[in-house]
Amino acid sequence: MIRLTSEQEKTTYKIGFKLGTMLQRGDVVCLTGDLGAGKTTMAKAISEALGVKEDVTSPTFSIIHEYLGRIPVYHFDAYRIRKIEELEDLGFEEYFYGEGVCIVEWASVIEEIIPEKRLWIHISSAGEGRILDFEGTSSHFIEIIEELKLI
């Protein structure tokens, strides 16, 4: 695990953008943290780096937004999920094991169905700034984390 600190939202965005440039088809990024911690900011930055031109918003009520970029982006928000069956109805496996990058806000809510190969990012407030804790579960993600340390 590595910890990065971000004093401003634009720094969090810069970290997310750099992360997005290194992601590949089939990658799953899990975001956790309190309300307002910066999960959607991170999702926006990752999506922009993946070539998404649309305005990325949190899919709190629709559960998932799909975006086209150089790699498709599937942006989940599990905040309102009460039963895993809700995601089964959406065909979550097609997203998690598909050709795009999945970004999951509130990922701990659905951890049991997220693929084992994933990148966890926990974002917490630190005064005006943020603390970002990164943990990868594969060599691919560990290499990405090492690159992020250079920012």
C-alpha atoms as a PDB file:
ATOM      1  CA  MET A   1       0.000   0.000   0.000  1.00  0.00           C
ATOM      2  CA  ILE A   2       1.117   3.541  -0.620  1.00  0.00           C
ATOM      3  CA  ARG A   3      -0.271   6.785   0.707  1.00  0.00           C
ATOM      4  CA  LEU A   4      -0.322   9.985  -1.272  1.00  0.00           C
ATOM      5  CA  THR A   5      -1.477  13.327   0.032  1.00  0.00           C
ATOM      6  CA  SER A   6      -3.301  15.906  -2.008  1.00  0.00           C
ATOM      7  CA  GLU A   7      -3.543  19.458  -0.770  1.00  0.00           C
ATOM      8  CA  GLN A   8      -6.018  20.540  -3.464  1.00  0.00           C
ATOM      9  CA  GLU A   9      -8.736  19.064  -5.662  1.00  0.00           C
ATOM     10  CA  LYS A  10      -6.616  19.740  -8.751  1.00  0.00           C
ATOM     11  CA  THR A  11      -3.842  17.560  -7.286  1.00  0.00           C
ATOM     12  CA  THR A  12      -6.334  14.732  -6.678  1.00  0.00           C
ATOM     13  CA  TYR A  13      -7.442  15.192 -10.276  1.00  0.00           C
ATOM     14  CA  LYS A  14      -3.842  15.066 -11.515  1.00  0.00           C
ATOM     15  CA  ILE A  15      -3.241  11.800  -9.644  1.00  0.00           C
ATOM     16  CA  GLY A  16      -6.457  10.328 -11.071  1.00  0.00           C
ATOM     17  CA  PHE A  17      -5.556  11.439 -14.590  1.00  0.00           C
ATOM     18  CA  LYS A  18      -2.107   9.845 -14.357  1.00  0.00           C
ATOM     19  CA  LEU A  19      -3.727   6.656 -13.077  1.00  0.00           C
ATOM     20  CA  GLY A  20      -6.151   6.673 -15.997  1.00  0.00           C
ATOM     21  CA  THR A  21      -3.313   6.831 -18.530  1.00  0.00           C
ATOM     22  CA  MET A  22      -1.979   3.520 -17.204  1.00  0.00           C
ATOM     23  CA  LEU A  23      -5.219   1.535 -16.992  1.00  0.00           C
ATOM     24  CA  GLN A  24      -6.042  -1.261 -19.415  1.00  0.00           C
ATOM     25  CA  ARG A  25      -9.142  -3.045 -20.636  1.00  0.00           C
ATOM     26  CA  GLY A  26     -10.588  -5.196 -17.875  1.00  0.00           C
ATOM     27  CA  ASP A  27      -9.157  -3.146 -15.000  1.00  0.00           C
ATOM     28  CA  VAL A  28     -11.337  -2.504 -11.962  1.00  0.00           C
ATOM     29  CA  VAL A  29     -10.760   0.535  -9.745  1.00  0.00           C
ATOM     30  CA  CYS A  30     -12.501   0.483  -6.367  1.00  0.00           C
ATOM     31  CA  LEU A  31     -13.089   3.809  -4.630  1.00  0.00           C
ATOM     32  CA  THR A  32     -14.010   4.157  -0.982  1.00  0.00           C
ATOM     33  CA  GLY A  33     -14.272   7.094   1.375  1.00  0.00           C
ATOM     34  CA  ASP A  34     -16.796   9.319   3.091  1.00  0.00           C
ATOM     35  CA  LEU A  35     -19.341  11.466   1.284  1.00  0.00           C
ATOM     36  CA  GLY A  36     -17.534  14.350  -0.385  1.00  0.00           C
ATOM     37  CA  ALA A  37     -14.084  12.770  -0.032  1.00  0.00           C
ATOM     38  CA  GLY A  38     -13.305  13.003  -3.751  1.00  0.00           C
ATOM     39  CA  LYS A  39     -14.408   9.678  -5.254  1.00  0.00           C
ATOM     40  CA  THR A  40     -16.263  11.325  -8.141  1.00  0.00           C
ATOM     41  CA  THR A  41     -13.357  13.726  -8.760  1.00  0.00           C
ATOM     42  CA  MET A  42     -11.096  10.689  -9.080  1.00  0.00           C
ATOM     43  CA  ALA A  43     -13.594   8.978 -11.415  1.00  0.00           C
ATOM     44  CA  LYS A  44     -13.785  12.098 -13.607  1.00  0.00           C
ATOM     45  CA  ALA A  45     -10.008  12.334 -13.901  1.00  0.00           C
ATOM     46  CA  ILE A  46      -9.586   8.640 -14.734  1.00  0.00           C
ATOM     47  CA  SER A  47     -12.346   8.880 -17.334  1.00  0.00           C
ATOM     48  CA  GLU A  48     -10.850  11.943 -18.994  1.00  0.00           C
ATOM     49  CA  ALA A  49      -7.478  10.171 -19.261  1.00  0.00           C
ATOM     50  CA  LEU A  50      -9.300   7.266 -20.939  1.00  0.00           C
ATOM     51  CA  GLY A  51     -10.666   9.638 -23.578  1.00  0.00           C
ATOM     52  CA  VAL A  52     -14.162  10.279 -22.250  1.00  0.00           C
ATOM     53  CA  LYS A  53     -15.434  13.629 -23.541  1.00  0.00           C
ATOM     54  CA  GLU A  54     -18.769  13.650 -21.681  1.00  0.00           C
ATOM     55  CA  ASP A  55     -19.287  15.205 -18.269  1.00  0.00           C
ATOM     56  CA  VAL A  56     -18.800  12.365 -15.793  1.00  0.00           C
ATOM     57  CA  THR A  57     -21.288  12.424 -12.931  1.00  0.00           C
ATOM     58  CA  SER A  58     -21.923  10.061 -10.060  1.00  0.00           C
ATOM     59  CA  PRO A  59     -24.521   7.422 -11.028  1.00  0.00           C
ATOM     60  CA  THR A  60     -26.057   7.382  -7.541  1.00  0.00           C
ATOM     61  CA  PHE A  61     -29.611   6.719  -8.690  1.00  0.00           C
ATOM     62  CA  SER A  62     -28.970   4.815 -11.915  1.00  0.00           C
ATOM     63  CA  ILE A  63     -26.167   2.685 -10.376  1.00  0.00           C
ATOM     64  CA  ILE A  64     -24.092   2.697 -13.584  1.00  0.00           C
ATOM     65  CA  HIS A  65     -23.125   5.140 -16.310  1.00  0.00           C
ATOM     66  CA  GLU A  66     -21.402   3.975 -19.472  1.00  0.00           C
ATOM     67  CA  TYR A  67     -18.986   6.267 -21.292  1.00  0.00           C
ATOM     68  CA  LEU A  68     -17.185   5.905 -24.585  1.00  0.00           C
ATOM     69  CA  GLY A  69     -13.506   6.718 -24.741  1.00  0.00           C
ATOM     70  CA  ARG A  70     -10.435   5.068 -26.208  1.00  0.00           C
ATOM     71  CA  ILE A  71     -11.440   2.358 -23.733  1.00  0.00           C
ATOM     72  CA  PRO A  72     -15.072   2.163 -22.536  1.00  0.00           C
ATOM     73  CA  VAL A  73     -15.601   3.317 -18.954  1.00  0.00           C
ATOM     74  CA  TYR A  74     -18.233   1.762 -16.700  1.00  0.00           C
ATOM     75  CA  HIS A  75     -18.798   3.981 -13.682  1.00  0.00           C
ATOM     76  CA  PHE A  76     -20.695   2.315 -10.826  1.00  0.00           C
ATOM     77  CA  ASP A  77     -22.033   3.835  -7.644  1.00  0.00           C
ATOM     78  CA  ALA A  78     -22.907   1.163  -5.083  1.00  0.00           C
ATOM     79  CA  TYR A  79     -24.023   3.617  -2.382  1.00  0.00           C
ATOM     80  CA  ARG A  80     -27.713   2.697  -2.676  1.00  0.00           C
ATOM     81  CA  ILE A  81     -27.231  -1.029  -3.277  1.00  0.00           C
ATOM     82  CA  ARG A  82     -28.917  -3.061  -0.563  1.00  0.00           C
ATOM     83  CA  LYS A  83     -28.785  -6.505  -2.186  1.00  0.00           C
ATOM     84  CA  ILE A  84     -26.266  -7.946  -4.637  1.00  0.00           C
ATOM     85  CA  GLU A  85     -29.218  -9.151  -6.719  1.00  0.00           C
ATOM     86  CA  GLU A  86     -29.754  -5.543  -7.792  1.00  0.00           C
ATOM     87  CA  LEU A  87     -26.463  -5.717  -9.704  1.00  0.00           C
ATOM     88  CA  GLU A  88     -27.225  -9.172 -11.056  1.00  0.00           C
ATOM     89  CA  ASP A  89     -30.269  -7.661 -12.765  1.00  0.00           C
ATOM     90  CA  LEU A  90     -27.924  -5.176 -14.474  1.00  0.00           C
ATOM     91  CA  GLY A  91     -25.572  -7.906 -15.694  1.00  0.00           C
ATOM     92  CA  PHE A  92     -22.604  -6.700 -13.660  1.00  0.00           C
ATOM     93  CA  GLU A  93     -20.406  -9.592 -14.815  1.00  0.00           C
ATOM     94  CA  GLU A  94     -20.468  -8.272 -18.379  1.00  0.00           C
ATOM     95  CA  TYR A  95     -18.985  -5.035 -17.078  1.00  0.00           C
ATOM     96  CA  PHE A  96     -16.478  -6.446 -14.565  1.00  0.00           C
ATOM     97  CA  TYR A  97     -15.188  -9.057 -16.995  1.00  0.00           C
ATOM     98  CA  GLY A  98     -15.640  -7.022 -20.178  1.00  0.00           C
ATOM     99  CA  GLU A  99     -13.521  -4.838 -22.415  1.00  0.00           C
ATOM    100  CA  GLY A 100     -13.767  -1.613 -20.464  1.00  0.00           C
ATOM    101  CA  VAL A 101     -12.439  -0.094 -17.274  1.00  0.00           C
ATOM    102  CA  CYS A 102     -14.772  -0.273 -14.279  1.00  0.00           C
ATOM    103  CA  ILE A 103     -14.710   2.456 -11.668  1.00  0.00           C
ATOM    104  CA  VAL A 104     -16.744   1.570  -8.590  1.00  0.00           C
ATOM    105  CA  GLU A 105     -17.633   4.200  -6.005  1.00  0.00           C
ATOM    106  CA  TRP A 106     -18.563   2.774  -2.572  1.00  0.00           C
ATOM    107  CA  ALA A 107     -16.912  -0.480  -3.674  1.00  0.00           C
ATOM    108  CA  SER A 108     -16.826  -1.973  -0.180  1.00  0.00           C
ATOM    109  CA  VAL A 109     -20.633  -2.362  -0.381  1.00  0.00           C
ATOM    110  CA  ILE A 110     -20.255  -4.928  -3.179  1.00  0.00           C
ATOM    111  CA  GLU A 111     -16.751  -6.227  -2.474  1.00  0.00           C
ATOM    112  CA  GLU A 112     -17.893  -9.861  -2.611  1.00  0.00           C
ATOM    113  CA  ILE A 113     -18.660  -9.658  -6.352  1.00  0.00           C
ATOM    114  CA  ILE A 114     -15.751  -7.480  -7.483  1.00  0.00           C
ATOM    115  CA  PRO A 115     -13.030  -9.400  -9.329  1.00  0.00           C
ATOM    116  CA  GLU A 116      -9.973 -10.341  -7.269  1.00  0.00           C
ATOM    117  CA  LYS A 117      -7.709  -8.374  -9.613  1.00  0.00           C
ATOM    118  CA  ARG A 118      -8.489  -4.789  -8.606  1.00  0.00           C
ATOM    119  CA  LEU A 119      -7.057  -1.517  -7.406  1.00  0.00           C
ATOM    120  CA  TRP A 120      -8.414  -0.118  -4.134  1.00  0.00           C
ATOM    121  CA  ILE A 121      -8.232   3.601  -3.470  1.00  0.00           C
ATOM    122  CA  HIS A 122      -9.441   4.889  -0.129  1.00  0.00           C
ATOM    123  CA  ILE A 123      -9.841   8.665  -0.015  1.00  0.00           C
ATOM    124  CA  SER A 124     -10.146  10.490   3.275  1.00  0.00           C
ATOM    125  CA  SER A 125     -10.285  14.131   4.258  1.00  0.00           C
ATOM    126  CA  ALA A 126      -7.300  15.767   5.877  1.00  0.00           C
ATOM    127  CA  GLY A 127      -8.305  19.329   6.648  1.00  0.00           C
ATOM    128  CA  GLU A 128      -8.572  21.026   3.256  1.00  0.00           C
ATOM    129  CA  GLY A 129      -6.648  18.223   1.546  1.00  0.00           C
ATOM    130  CA  ARG A 130      -7.061  14.502   0.958  1.00  0.00           C
ATOM    131  CA  ILE A 131      -5.193  11.335   1.847  1.00  0.00           C
ATOM    132  CA  LEU A 132      -5.245   8.681  -0.876  1.00  0.00           C
ATOM    133  CA  ASP A 133      -4.356   5.124   0.087  1.00  0.00           C
ATOM    134  CA  PHE A 134      -3.670   2.813  -2.869  1.00  0.00           C
ATOM    135  CA  GLU A 135      -3.598  -0.976  -2.681  1.00  0.00           C
ATOM    136  CA  GLY A 136      -3.222  -3.234  -5.707  1.00  0.00           C
ATOM    137  CA  THR A 137      -4.028  -6.939  -5.823  1.00  0.00           C
ATOM    138  CA  SER A 138      -1.948  -7.802  -8.890  1.00  0.00           C
ATOM    139  CA  SER A 139       1.510  -7.038 -10.250  1.00  0.00           C
ATOM    140  CA  HIS A 140      -0.109  -4.779 -12.877  1.00  0.00           C
ATOM    141  CA  PHE A 141      -1.651  -2.574 -10.195  1.00  0.00           C
ATOM    142  CA  ILE A 142       1.463  -2.647  -8.023  1.00  0.00           C
ATOM    143  CA  GLU A 143       3.451  -1.295 -10.994  1.00  0.00           C
ATOM    144  CA  ILE A 144       0.853   1.468 -11.460  1.00  0.00           C
ATOM    145  CA  ILE A 145       1.077   2.386  -7.777  1.00  0.00           C
ATOM    146  CA  GLU A 146       4.861   2.618  -8.042  1.00  0.00           C
ATOM    147  CA  GLU A 147       4.471   5.069 -10.959  1.00  0.00           C
ATOM    148  CA  LEU A 148       2.002   7.167  -8.981  1.00  0.00           C
ATOM    149  CA  LYS A 149       4.577   7.589  -6.215  1.00  0.00           C
ATOM    150  CA  LEU A 150       6.636   9.628  -8.684  1.00  0.00           C
ATOM    151  CA  ILE A 151       4.006  12.352  -9.028  1.00  0.00           C
END
